[in-house]
Full PDB file with SEQRES, HELIX, SHEET, SSBOND, CRYST1, ORIGX, SCALE, CONECT and MASTER records, all heavy atoms in Angstrom:
SEQRES   1 A   42  CYS HIS TYR ALA ASP SER ALA LEU LEU TYR VAL SER ALA          
SEQRES   2 A   42  GLU GLN PHE ILE GLY LYS HIS VAL LYS SER VAL LEU PRO          
SEQRES   3 A   42  GLU ASP LEU ALA ILE LEU THR LEU ASN LYS ILE ALA GLU          
SEQRES   4 A   42  ALA GLN GLU                                                  
HELIX    1 AA1 SER A    6  LEU A    8  5                                   3    
HELIX    2 AA2 ALA A   13  PHE A   16  1                                   4    
HELIX    3 AA3 VAL A   21  SER A   23  5                                   3    
HELIX    4 AA4 GLU A   27  GLN A   41  1                                  15    
CRYST1    1.000    1.000    1.000  90.00  90.00  90.00 P 1           1          
ORIGX1      1.000000  0.000000  0.000000        0.00000                         
ORIGX2      0.000000  1.000000  0.000000        0.00000                         
ORIGX3      0.000000  0.000000  1.000000        0.00000                         
SCALE1      1.000000  0.000000  0.000000        0.00000                         
SCALE2      0.000000  1.000000  0.000000        0.00000                         
SCALE3      0.000000  0.000000  1.000000        0.00000                         
ATOM      1  N   CYS A   1     132.536-276.875 -47.025  1.00  0.00           N  
ATOM      2  CA  CYS A   1     131.637-276.041 -47.819  1.00  0.00           C  
ATOM      3  C   CYS A   1     131.850-276.306 -49.306  1.00  0.00           C  
ATOM      4  O   CYS A   1     132.891-276.819 -49.721  1.00  0.00           O  
ATOM      5  CB  CYS A   1     131.846-274.561 -47.504  1.00  0.00           C  
ATOM      6  SG  CYS A   1     133.334-273.859 -48.243  1.00  0.00           S  
ATOM      7  N   HIS A   2     130.835-275.971 -50.064  1.00  0.00           N  
ATOM      8  CA  HIS A   2     130.907-276.010 -51.527  1.00  0.00           C  
ATOM      9  C   HIS A   2     130.259-274.738 -52.029  1.00  0.00           C  
ATOM     10  O   HIS A   2     129.195-274.345 -51.550  1.00  0.00           O  
ATOM     11  CB  HIS A   2     130.167-277.225 -52.095  1.00  0.00           C  
ATOM     12  CG  HIS A   2     129.856-277.084 -53.554  1.00  0.00           C  
ATOM     13  ND1 HIS A   2     130.777-277.351 -54.541  1.00  0.00           N  
ATOM     14  CD2 HIS A   2     128.722-276.682 -54.195  1.00  0.00           C  
ATOM     15  CE1 HIS A   2     130.235-277.128 -55.726  1.00  0.00           C  
ATOM     16  NE2 HIS A   2     128.987-276.717 -55.547  1.00  0.00           N  
ATOM     17  N   TYR A   3     130.863-274.078 -52.998  1.00  0.00           N  
ATOM     18  CA  TYR A   3     130.276-272.852 -53.528  1.00  0.00           C  
ATOM     19  C   TYR A   3     130.622-272.723 -55.007  1.00  0.00           C  
ATOM     20  O   TYR A   3     131.671-273.159 -55.466  1.00  0.00           O  
ATOM     21  CB  TYR A   3     130.765-271.623 -52.756  1.00  0.00           C  
ATOM     22  CG  TYR A   3     132.267-271.463 -52.732  1.00  0.00           C  
ATOM     23  CD1 TYR A   3     132.923-270.735 -53.715  1.00  0.00           C  
ATOM     24  CD2 TYR A   3     133.032-272.049 -51.716  1.00  0.00           C  
ATOM     25  CE1 TYR A   3     134.294-270.582 -53.696  1.00  0.00           C  
ATOM     26  CE2 TYR A   3     134.411-271.904 -51.698  1.00  0.00           C  
ATOM     27  CZ  TYR A   3     135.040-271.177 -52.684  1.00  0.00           C  
ATOM     28  OH  TYR A   3     136.405-271.034 -52.675  1.00  0.00           O  
ATOM     29  N   ALA A   4     129.685-272.107 -55.737  1.00  0.00           N  
ATOM     30  CA  ALA A   4     129.910-271.835 -57.149  1.00  0.00           C  
ATOM     31  C   ALA A   4     130.379-270.405 -57.358  1.00  0.00           C  
ATOM     32  O   ALA A   4     131.040-270.099 -58.343  1.00  0.00           O  
ATOM     33  CB  ALA A   4     128.624-272.091 -57.943  1.00  0.00           C  
ATOM     34  N   ASP A   5     130.020-269.528 -56.415  1.00  0.00           N  
ATOM     35  CA  ASP A   5     130.364-268.111 -56.549  1.00  0.00           C  
ATOM     36  C   ASP A   5     130.916-267.606 -55.223  1.00  0.00           C  
ATOM     37  O   ASP A   5     130.180-267.449 -54.247  1.00  0.00           O  
ATOM     38  CB  ASP A   5     129.115-267.319 -56.949  1.00  0.00           C  
ATOM     39  CG  ASP A   5     129.415-265.857 -57.233  1.00  0.00           C  
ATOM     40  OD1 ASP A   5     130.582-265.439 -57.083  1.00  0.00           O  
ATOM     41  OD2 ASP A   5     128.474-265.128 -57.605  1.00  0.00           O  
ATOM     42  N   SER A   6     132.200-267.328 -55.169  1.00  0.00           N  
ATOM     43  CA  SER A   6     132.838-266.872 -53.930  1.00  0.00           C  
ATOM     44  C   SER A   6     132.338-265.498 -53.498  1.00  0.00           C  
ATOM     45  O   SER A   6     132.484-265.114 -52.334  1.00  0.00           O  
ATOM     46  CB  SER A   6     134.361-266.839 -54.096  1.00  0.00           C  
ATOM     47  OG  SER A   6     134.728-265.928 -55.129  1.00  0.00           O  
ATOM     48  N   ALA A   7     131.734-264.755 -54.437  1.00  0.00           N  
ATOM     49  CA  ALA A   7     131.218-263.428 -54.106  1.00  0.00           C  
ATOM     50  C   ALA A   7     130.041-263.499 -53.136  1.00  0.00           C  
ATOM     51  O   ALA A   7     129.671-262.486 -52.533  1.00  0.00           O  
ATOM     52  CB  ALA A   7     130.802-262.692 -55.376  1.00  0.00           C  
ATOM     53  N   LEU A   8     129.453-264.692 -52.991  1.00  0.00           N  
ATOM     54  CA  LEU A   8     128.320-264.864 -52.086  1.00  0.00           C  
ATOM     55  C   LEU A   8     128.756-265.266 -50.680  1.00  0.00           C  
ATOM     56  O   LEU A   8     127.925-265.383 -49.781  1.00  0.00           O  
ATOM     57  CB  LEU A   8     127.347-265.913 -52.641  1.00  0.00           C  
ATOM     58  CG  LEU A   8     126.697-265.584 -53.990  1.00  0.00           C  
ATOM     59  CD1 LEU A   8     125.814-266.734 -54.452  1.00  0.00           C  
ATOM     60  CD2 LEU A   8     125.881-264.290 -53.887  1.00  0.00           C  
ATOM     61  N   LEU A   9     130.065-265.475 -50.487  1.00  0.00           N  
ATOM     62  CA  LEU A   9     130.570-265.861 -49.173  1.00  0.00           C  
ATOM     63  C   LEU A   9     130.820-264.621 -48.316  1.00  0.00           C  
ATOM     64  O   LEU A   9     131.318-263.606 -48.805  1.00  0.00           O  
ATOM     65  CB  LEU A   9     131.871-266.652 -49.310  1.00  0.00           C  
ATOM     66  CG  LEU A   9     131.786-268.003 -50.033  1.00  0.00           C  
ATOM     67  CD1 LEU A   9     133.182-268.631 -50.094  1.00  0.00           C  
ATOM     68  CD2 LEU A   9     130.816-268.946 -49.337  1.00  0.00           C  
ATOM     69  N   TYR A  10     130.496-264.733 -47.040  1.00  0.00           N  
ATOM     70  CA  TYR A  10     130.704-263.630 -46.098  1.00  0.00           C  
ATOM     71  C   TYR A  10     132.203-263.367 -45.920  1.00  0.00           C  
ATOM     72  O   TYR A  10     132.651-262.222 -45.914  1.00  0.00           O  
ATOM     73  CB  TYR A  10     130.053-263.973 -44.761  1.00  0.00           C  
ATOM     74  CG  TYR A  10     130.112-262.887 -43.727  1.00  0.00           C  
ATOM     75  CD1 TYR A  10     129.502-261.649 -43.958  1.00  0.00           C  
ATOM     76  CD2 TYR A  10     130.763-263.090 -42.518  1.00  0.00           C  
ATOM     77  CE1 TYR A  10     129.552-260.639 -43.006  1.00  0.00           C  
ATOM     78  CE2 TYR A  10     130.814-262.096 -41.552  1.00  0.00           C  
ATOM     79  CZ  TYR A  10     130.209-260.871 -41.806  1.00  0.00           C  
ATOM     80  OH  TYR A  10     130.253-259.879 -40.856  1.00  0.00           O  
ATOM     81  N   VAL A  11     132.965-264.457 -45.767  1.00  0.00           N  
ATOM     82  CA  VAL A  11     134.436-264.412 -45.775  1.00  0.00           C  
ATOM     83  C   VAL A  11     134.913-265.622 -46.576  1.00  0.00           C  
ATOM     84  O   VAL A  11     134.133-266.526 -46.875  1.00  0.00           O  
ATOM     85  CB  VAL A  11     135.033-264.447 -44.345  1.00  0.00           C  
ATOM     86  CG1 VAL A  11     134.671-263.183 -43.576  1.00  0.00           C  
ATOM     87  CG2 VAL A  11     134.571-265.687 -43.586  1.00  0.00           C  
ATOM     88  N   SER A  12     136.187-265.668 -46.918  1.00  0.00           N  
ATOM     89  CA  SER A  12     136.699-266.788 -47.705  1.00  0.00           C  
ATOM     90  C   SER A  12     136.622-268.083 -46.913  1.00  0.00           C  
ATOM     91  O   SER A  12     136.621-268.080 -45.672  1.00  0.00           O  
ATOM     92  CB  SER A  12     138.145-266.522 -48.127  1.00  0.00           C  
ATOM     93  OG  SER A  12     138.995-266.509 -46.995  1.00  0.00           O  
ATOM     94  N   ALA A  13     136.550-269.205 -47.631  1.00  0.00           N  
ATOM     95  CA  ALA A  13     136.436-270.511 -46.976  1.00  0.00           C  
ATOM     96  C   ALA A  13     137.579-270.759 -45.998  1.00  0.00           C  
ATOM     97  O   ALA A  13     137.380-271.342 -44.927  1.00  0.00           O  
ATOM     98  CB  ALA A  13     136.395-271.612 -48.034  1.00  0.00           C  
ATOM     99  N   GLU A  14     138.771-270.304 -46.346  1.00  0.00           N  
ATOM    100  CA  GLU A  14     139.926-270.508 -45.473  1.00  0.00           C  
ATOM    101  C   GLU A  14     139.757-269.822 -44.122  1.00  0.00           C  
ATOM    102  O   GLU A  14     140.359-270.225 -43.120  1.00  0.00           O  
ATOM    103  CB  GLU A  14     141.203-269.977 -46.141  1.00  0.00           C  
ATOM    104  CG  GLU A  14     141.637-270.741 -47.375  1.00  0.00           C  
ATOM    105  CD  GLU A  14     140.820-270.394 -48.614  1.00  0.00           C  
ATOM    106  OE1 GLU A  14     140.070-269.385 -48.577  1.00  0.00           O  
ATOM    107  OE2 GLU A  14     140.924-271.136 -49.611  1.00  0.00           O  
ATOM    108  N   GLN A  15     138.915-268.803 -44.098  1.00  0.00           N  
ATOM    109  CA  GLN A  15     138.725-268.027 -42.874  1.00  0.00           C  
ATOM    110  C   GLN A  15     137.646-268.602 -41.958  1.00  0.00           C  
ATOM    111  O   GLN A  15     137.549-268.167 -40.810  1.00  0.00           O  
ATOM    112  CB  GLN A  15     138.381-266.574 -43.217  1.00  0.00           C  
ATOM    113  CG  GLN A  15     139.524-265.802 -43.852  1.00  0.00           C  
ATOM    114  CD  GLN A  15     139.107-264.399 -44.219  1.00  0.00           C  
ATOM    115  OE1 GLN A  15     138.471-264.155 -45.240  1.00  0.00           O  
ATOM    116  NE2 GLN A  15     139.473-263.442 -43.380  1.00  0.00           N  
ATOM    117  N   PHE A  16     136.832-269.538 -42.468  1.00  0.00           N  
ATOM    118  CA  PHE A  16     135.777-270.054 -41.580  1.00  0.00           C  
ATOM    119  C   PHE A  16     135.785-271.568 -41.382  1.00  0.00           C  
ATOM    120  O   PHE A  16     135.219-272.056 -40.393  1.00  0.00           O  
ATOM    121  CB  PHE A  16     134.394-269.581 -42.033  1.00  0.00           C  
ATOM    122  CG  PHE A  16     133.921-270.112 -43.358  1.00  0.00           C  
ATOM    123  CD1 PHE A  16     133.420-271.406 -43.488  1.00  0.00           C  
ATOM    124  CD2 PHE A  16     133.939-269.308 -44.486  1.00  0.00           C  
ATOM    125  CE1 PHE A  16     132.968-271.880 -44.704  1.00  0.00           C  
ATOM    126  CE2 PHE A  16     133.485-269.766 -45.719  1.00  0.00           C  
ATOM    127  CZ  PHE A  16     132.992-271.070 -45.817  1.00  0.00           C  
ATOM    128  N   ILE A  17     136.394-272.350 -42.262  1.00  0.00           N  
ATOM    129  CA  ILE A  17     136.421-273.798 -42.062  1.00  0.00           C  
ATOM    130  C   ILE A  17     137.140-274.130 -40.752  1.00  0.00           C  
ATOM    131  O   ILE A  17     138.230-273.654 -40.490  1.00  0.00           O  
ATOM    132  CB  ILE A  17     137.118-274.513 -43.239  1.00  0.00           C  
ATOM    133  CG1 ILE A  17     136.328-274.304 -44.534  1.00  0.00           C  
ATOM    134  CG2 ILE A  17     137.258-276.005 -42.949  1.00  0.00           C  
ATOM    135  CD1 ILE A  17     134.943-274.901 -44.527  1.00  0.00           C  
ATOM    136  N   GLY A  18     136.483-274.934 -39.926  1.00  0.00           N  
ATOM    137  CA  GLY A  18     137.061-275.323 -38.640  1.00  0.00           C  
ATOM    138  C   GLY A  18     136.740-274.365 -37.510  1.00  0.00           C  
ATOM    139  O   GLY A  18     137.116-274.615 -36.358  1.00  0.00           O  
ATOM    140  N   LYS A  19     136.019-273.288 -37.833  1.00  0.00           N  
ATOM    141  CA  LYS A  19     135.694-272.303 -36.805  1.00  0.00           C  
ATOM    142  C   LYS A  19     134.204-272.356 -36.440  1.00  0.00           C  
ATOM    143  O   LYS A  19     133.373-272.797 -37.215  1.00  0.00           O  
ATOM    144  CB  LYS A  19     136.060-270.890 -37.276  1.00  0.00           C  
ATOM    145  CG  LYS A  19     137.559-270.697 -37.450  1.00  0.00           C  
ATOM    146  CD  LYS A  19     137.881-269.273 -37.834  1.00  0.00           C  
ATOM    147  CE  LYS A  19     139.375-269.071 -37.996  1.00  0.00           C  
ATOM    148  NZ  LYS A  19     139.718-267.679 -38.386  1.00  0.00           N  
ATOM    149  N   HIS A  20     133.885-271.852 -35.257  1.00  0.00           N  
ATOM    150  CA  HIS A  20     132.510-271.815 -34.780  1.00  0.00           C  
ATOM    151  C   HIS A  20     131.779-270.639 -35.427  1.00  0.00           C  
ATOM    152  O   HIS A  20     132.380-269.590 -35.702  1.00  0.00           O  
ATOM    153  CB  HIS A  20     132.493-271.650 -33.257  1.00  0.00           C  
ATOM    154  CG  HIS A  20     131.171-271.968 -32.638  1.00  0.00           C  
ATOM    155  ND1 HIS A  20     130.149-271.044 -32.554  1.00  0.00           N  
ATOM    156  CD2 HIS A  20     130.687-273.122 -32.076  1.00  0.00           C  
ATOM    157  CE1 HIS A  20     129.104-271.603 -31.967  1.00  0.00           C  
ATOM    158  NE2 HIS A  20     129.399-272.862 -31.666  1.00  0.00           N  
ATOM    159  N   VAL A  21     130.483-270.828 -35.667  1.00  0.00           N  
ATOM    160  CA  VAL A  21     129.703-269.777 -36.348  1.00  0.00           C  
ATOM    161  C   VAL A  21     129.759-268.449 -35.592  1.00  0.00           C  
ATOM    162  O   VAL A  21     129.726-267.378 -36.196  1.00  0.00           O  
ATOM    163  CB  VAL A  21     128.237-270.214 -36.558  1.00  0.00           C  
ATOM    164  CG1 VAL A  21     128.141-271.356 -37.550  1.00  0.00           C  
ATOM    165  CG2 VAL A  21     127.564-270.586 -35.243  1.00  0.00           C  
ATOM    166  N   LYS A  22     129.859-268.511 -34.264  1.00  0.00           N  
ATOM    167  CA  LYS A  22     129.876-267.278 -33.476  1.00  0.00           C  
ATOM    168  C   LYS A  22     131.139-266.456 -33.690  1.00  0.00           C  
ATOM    169  O   LYS A  22     131.136-265.247 -33.454  1.00  0.00           O  
ATOM    170  CB  LYS A  22     129.714-267.600 -31.987  1.00  0.00           C  
ATOM    171  CG  LYS A  22     128.296-267.960 -31.584  1.00  0.00           C  
ATOM    172  CD  LYS A  22     128.153-268.051 -30.068  1.00  0.00           C  
ATOM    173  CE  LYS A  22     126.709-268.240 -29.658  1.00  0.00           C  
ATOM    174  NZ  LYS A  22     126.547-268.298 -28.179  1.00  0.00           N  
ATOM    175  N   SER A  23     132.203-267.095 -34.145  1.00  0.00           N  
ATOM    176  CA  SER A  23     133.448-266.367 -34.392  1.00  0.00           C  
ATOM    177  C   SER A  23     133.566-265.913 -35.842  1.00  0.00           C  
ATOM    178  O   SER A  23     134.556-265.264 -36.207  1.00  0.00           O  
ATOM    179  CB  SER A  23     134.653-267.238 -34.029  1.00  0.00           C  
ATOM    180  OG  SER A  23     134.747-268.358 -34.903  1.00  0.00           O  
ATOM    181  N   VAL A  24     132.559-266.257 -36.655  1.00  0.00           N  
ATOM    182  CA  VAL A  24     132.615-265.921 -38.078  1.00  0.00           C  
ATOM    183  C   VAL A  24     131.472-265.001 -38.496  1.00  0.00           C  
ATOM    184  O   VAL A  24     131.695-263.958 -39.123  1.00  0.00           O  
ATOM    185  CB  VAL A  24     132.573-267.200 -38.950  1.00  0.00           C  
ATOM    186  CG1 VAL A  24     132.530-266.839 -40.435  1.00  0.00           C  
ATOM    187  CG2 VAL A  24     133.762-268.094 -38.651  1.00  0.00           C  
ATOM    188  N   LEU A  25     130.247-265.374 -38.139  1.00  0.00           N  
ATOM    189  CA  LEU A  25     129.053-264.675 -38.620  1.00  0.00           C  
ATOM    190  C   LEU A  25     128.629-263.556 -37.667  1.00  0.00           C  
ATOM    191  O   LEU A  25     128.990-263.570 -36.482  1.00  0.00           O  
ATOM    192  CB  LEU A  25     127.904-265.670 -38.771  1.00  0.00           C  
ATOM    193  CG  LEU A  25     128.126-266.840 -39.733  1.00  0.00           C  
ATOM    194  CD1 LEU A  25     126.942-267.795 -39.679  1.00  0.00           C  
ATOM    195  CD2 LEU A  25     128.338-266.340 -41.156  1.00  0.00           C  
ATOM    196  N   PRO A  26     127.840-262.595 -38.175  1.00  0.00           N  
ATOM    197  CA  PRO A  26     127.237-261.605 -37.279  1.00  0.00           C  
ATOM    198  C   PRO A  26     126.423-262.327 -36.197  1.00  0.00           C  
ATOM    199  O   PRO A  26     125.888-263.417 -36.435  1.00  0.00           O  
ATOM    200  CB  PRO A  26     126.330-260.795 -38.213  1.00  0.00           C  
ATOM    201  CG  PRO A  26     126.938-260.962 -39.566  1.00  0.00           C  
ATOM    202  CD  PRO A  26     127.498-262.349 -39.592  1.00  0.00           C  
ATOM    203  N   GLU A  27     126.326-261.710 -35.040  1.00  0.00           N  
ATOM    204  CA  GLU A  27     125.730-262.379 -33.878  1.00  0.00           C  
ATOM    205  C   GLU A  27     124.320-262.903 -34.145  1.00  0.00           C  
ATOM    206  O   GLU A  27     123.997-264.046 -33.797  1.00  0.00           O  
ATOM    207  CB  GLU A  27     125.692-261.424 -32.680  1.00  0.00           C  
ATOM    208  CG  GLU A  27     125.149-262.075 -31.416  1.00  0.00           C  
ATOM    209  CD  GLU A  27     125.145-261.117 -30.236  1.00  0.00           C  
ATOM    210  OE1 GLU A  27     125.492-259.937 -30.421  1.00  0.00           O  
ATOM    211  OE2 GLU A  27     124.775-261.548 -29.123  1.00  0.00           O  
ATOM    212  N   ASP A  28     123.479-262.086 -34.785  1.00  0.00           N  
ATOM    213  CA  ASP A  28     122.096-262.509 -35.010  1.00  0.00           C  
ATOM    214  C   ASP A  28     122.022-263.722 -35.939  1.00  0.00           C  
ATOM    215  O   ASP A  28     121.229-264.647 -35.704  1.00  0.00           O  
ATOM    216  CB  ASP A  28     121.252-261.361 -35.564  1.00  0.00           C  
ATOM    217  CG  ASP A  28     121.819-260.779 -36.857  1.00  0.00           C  
ATOM    218  OD1 ASP A  28     123.008-261.009 -37.158  1.00  0.00           O  
ATOM    219  OD2 ASP A  28     121.051-260.091 -37.573  1.00  0.00           O  
ATOM    220  N   LEU A  29     122.857-263.745 -36.983  1.00  0.00           N  
ATOM    221  CA  LEU A  29     122.853-264.878 -37.907  1.00  0.00           C  
ATOM    222  C   LEU A  29     123.473-266.117 -37.268  1.00  0.00           C  
ATOM    223  O   LEU A  29     123.020-267.243 -37.513  1.00  0.00           O  
ATOM    224  CB  LEU A  29     123.585-264.520 -39.196  1.00  0.00           C  
ATOM    225  CG  LEU A  29     123.640-265.613 -40.265  1.00  0.00           C  
ATOM    226  CD1 LEU A  29     122.229-266.118 -40.605  1.00  0.00           C  
ATOM    227  CD2 LEU A  29     124.334-265.115 -41.520  1.00  0.00           C  
ATOM    228  N   ALA A  30     124.493-265.932 -36.447  1.00  0.00           N  
ATOM    229  CA  ALA A  30     125.101-267.068 -35.749  1.00  0.00           C  
ATOM    230  C   ALA A  30     124.088-267.740 -34.830  1.00  0.00           C  
ATOM    231  O   ALA A  30     123.968-268.972 -34.803  1.00  0.00           O  
ATOM    232  CB  ALA A  30     126.311-266.590 -34.944  1.00  0.00           C  
ATOM    233  N   ILE A  31     123.321-266.929 -34.091  1.00  0.00           N  
ATOM    234  CA  ILE A  31     122.298-267.466 -33.193  1.00  0.00           C  
ATOM    235  C   ILE A  31     121.210-268.180 -33.992  1.00  0.00           C  
ATOM    236  O   ILE A  31     120.760-269.278 -33.625  1.00  0.00           O  
ATOM    237  CB  ILE A  31     121.690-266.340 -32.335  1.00  0.00           C  
ATOM    238  CG1 ILE A  31     122.737-265.812 -31.357  1.00  0.00           C  
ATOM    239  CG2 ILE A  31     120.465-266.838 -31.568  1.00  0.00           C  
ATOM    240  CD1 ILE A  31     122.299-264.573 -30.590  1.00  0.00           C  
ATOM    241  N   LEU A  32     120.802-267.571 -35.111  1.00  0.00           N  
ATOM    242  CA  LEU A  32     119.788-268.191 -35.968  1.00  0.00           C  
ATOM    243  C   LEU A  32     120.281-269.542 -36.489  1.00  0.00           C  
ATOM    244  O   LEU A  32     119.540-270.535 -36.481  1.00  0.00           O  
ATOM    245  CB  LEU A  32     119.452-267.266 -37.140  1.00  0.00           C  
ATOM    246  CG  LEU A  32     118.445-267.807 -38.169  1.00  0.00           C  
ATOM    247  CD1 LEU A  32     117.076-268.029 -37.530  1.00  0.00           C  
ATOM    248  CD2 LEU A  32     118.328-266.851 -39.358  1.00  0.00           C  
ATOM    249  N   THR A  33     121.524-269.592 -36.928  1.00  0.00           N  
ATOM    250  CA  THR A  33     122.104-270.836 -37.456  1.00  0.00           C  
ATOM    251  C   THR A  33     122.125-271.930 -36.388  1.00  0.00           C  
ATOM    252  O   THR A  33     121.736-273.073 -36.641  1.00  0.00           O  
ATOM    253  CB  THR A  33     123.524-270.590 -37.982  1.00  0.00           C  
ATOM    254  OG1 THR A  33     123.499-269.571 -38.985  1.00  0.00           O  
ATOM    255  CG2 THR A  33     124.107-271.868 -38.583  1.00  0.00           C  
ATOM    256  N   LEU A  34     122.559-271.572 -35.187  1.00  0.00           N  
ATOM    257  CA  LEU A  34     122.599-272.546 -34.094  1.00  0.00           C  
ATOM    258  C   LEU A  34     121.193-273.033 -33.741  1.00  0.00           C  
ATOM    259  O   LEU A  34     120.990-274.230 -33.469  1.00  0.00           O  
ATOM    260  CB  LEU A  34     123.263-271.922 -32.858  1.00  0.00           C  
ATOM    261  CG  LEU A  34     124.757-271.636 -32.993  1.00  0.00           C  
ATOM    262  CD1 LEU A  34     125.263-270.862 -31.778  1.00  0.00           C  
ATOM    263  CD2 LEU A  34     125.553-272.936 -33.151  1.00  0.00           C  
ATOM    264  N   ASN A  35     120.228-272.124 -33.762  1.00  0.00           N  
ATOM    265  CA  ASN A  35     118.841-272.517 -33.475  1.00  0.00           C  
ATOM    266  C   ASN A  35     118.304-273.478 -34.532  1.00  0.00           C  
ATOM    267  O   ASN A  35     117.582-274.432 -34.208  1.00  0.00           O  
ATOM    268  CB  ASN A  35     117.946-271.276 -33.399  1.00  0.00           C  
ATOM    269  CG  ASN A  35     118.180-270.452 -32.142  1.00  0.00           C  
ATOM    270  OD1 ASN A  35     118.739-270.956 -31.159  1.00  0.00           O  
ATOM    271  ND2 ASN A  35     117.767-269.198 -32.151  1.00  0.00           N  
ATOM    272  N   LYS A  36     118.660-273.248 -35.792  1.00  0.00           N  
ATOM    273  CA  LYS A  36     118.177-274.110 -36.871  1.00  0.00           C  
ATOM    274  C   LYS A  36     118.871-275.469 -36.848  1.00  0.00           C  
ATOM    275  O   LYS A  36     118.268-276.489 -37.194  1.00  0.00           O  
ATOM    276  CB  LYS A  36     118.365-273.426 -38.230  1.00  0.00           C  
ATOM    277  CG  LYS A  36     117.509-272.171 -38.399  1.00  0.00           C  
ATOM    278  CD  LYS A  36     116.046-272.444 -38.130  1.00  0.00           C  
ATOM    279  CE  LYS A  36     115.198-271.189 -38.189  1.00  0.00           C  
ATOM    280  NZ  LYS A  36     113.761-271.453 -37.907  1.00  0.00           N  
ATOM    281  N   ILE A  37     120.143-275.500 -36.447  1.00  0.00           N  
ATOM    282  CA  ILE A  37     120.835-276.781 -36.270  1.00  0.00           C  
ATOM    283  C   ILE A  37     120.135-277.585 -35.182  1.00  0.00           C  
ATOM    284  O   ILE A  37     119.867-278.783 -35.336  1.00  0.00           O  
ATOM    285  CB  ILE A  37     122.321-276.553 -35.913  1.00  0.00           C  
ATOM    286  CG1 ILE A  37     123.088-276.031 -37.133  1.00  0.00           C  
ATOM    287  CG2 ILE A  37     122.956-277.863 -35.418  1.00  0.00           C  
ATOM    288  CD1 ILE A  37     124.527-275.649 -36.833  1.00  0.00           C  
ATOM    289  N   ALA A  38     119.815-276.905 -34.059  1.00  0.00           N  
ATOM    290  CA  ALA A  38     119.132-277.573 -32.949  1.00  0.00           C  
ATOM    291  C   ALA A  38     117.750-278.058 -33.368  1.00  0.00           C  
ATOM    292  O   ALA A  38     117.323-279.166 -32.999  1.00  0.00           O  
ATOM    293  CB  ALA A  38     119.017-276.616 -31.771  1.00  0.00           C  
ATOM    294  N   GLU A  39     117.048-277.256 -34.166  1.00  0.00           N  
ATOM    295  CA  GLU A  39     115.714-277.642 -34.624  1.00  0.00           C  
ATOM    296  C   GLU A  39     115.778-278.851 -35.557  1.00  0.00           C  
ATOM    297  O   GLU A  39     114.969-279.779 -35.451  1.00  0.00           O  
ATOM    298  CB  GLU A  39     115.054-276.456 -35.341  1.00  0.00           C  
ATOM    299  CG  GLU A  39     113.609-276.706 -35.744  1.00  0.00           C  
ATOM    300  CD  GLU A  39     112.967-275.501 -36.407  1.00  0.00           C  
ATOM    301  OE1 GLU A  39     113.540-274.382 -36.323  1.00  0.00           O  
ATOM    302  OE2 GLU A  39     111.897-275.660 -37.026  1.00  0.00           O  
ATOM    303  N   ALA A  40     116.742-278.823 -36.492  1.00  0.00           N  
ATOM    304  CA  ALA A  40     116.906-279.956 -37.407  1.00  0.00           C  
ATOM    305  C   ALA A  40     117.312-281.216 -36.651  1.00  0.00           C  
ATOM    306  O   ALA A  40     116.894-282.329 -36.997  1.00  0.00           O  
ATOM    307  CB  ALA A  40     117.948-279.619 -38.473  1.00  0.00           C  
ATOM    308  N   GLN A  41     118.129-281.034 -35.605  1.00  0.00           N  
ATOM    309  CA  GLN A  41     118.555-282.179 -34.797  1.00  0.00           C  
ATOM    310  C   GLN A  41     117.377-282.769 -34.025  1.00  0.00           C  
ATOM    311  O   GLN A  41     117.206-283.988 -33.946  1.00  0.00           O  
ATOM    312  CB  GLN A  41     119.649-281.744 -33.821  1.00  0.00           C  
ATOM    313  CG  GLN A  41     120.218-282.886 -32.990  1.00  0.00           C  
ATOM    314  CD  GLN A  41     121.359-282.430 -32.103  1.00  0.00           C  
ATOM    315  OE1 GLN A  41     121.453-281.263 -31.737  1.00  0.00           O  
ATOM    316  NE2 GLN A  41     122.247-283.349 -31.770  1.00  0.00           N  
ATOM    317  N   GLU A  42     116.542-281.901 -33.472  1.00  0.00           N  
ATOM    318  CA  GLU A  42     115.393-282.365 -32.690  1.00  0.00           C  
ATOM    319  C   GLU A  42     114.364-283.058 -33.574  1.00  0.00           C  
ATOM    320  O   GLU A  42     113.837-284.118 -33.232  1.00  0.00           O  
ATOM    321  CB  GLU A  42     114.752-281.184 -31.970  1.00  0.00           C  
ATOM    322  CG  GLU A  42     113.536-281.565 -31.135  1.00  0.00           C  
ATOM    323  CD  GLU A  42     112.879-280.359 -30.488  1.00  0.00           C  
ATOM    324  OE1 GLU A  42     113.406-279.232 -30.619  1.00  0.00           O  
ATOM    325  OE2 GLU A  42     111.833-280.547 -29.848  1.00  0.00           O  
TER     326      GLU A  42                                                      
MASTER        0    0    0    4    0    0    0    6  325    1    0    4          
END                                                                             
């Protein structure tokens, strides 16, 4: 990740790098993120 303002992060970078979105983000946003990854991949 790259960020200019840490206040915009849901949790600190150390807490999410290397982890799956489902273990970091709220469920609805995690599902949305996975769907958008799949859409961009397709």
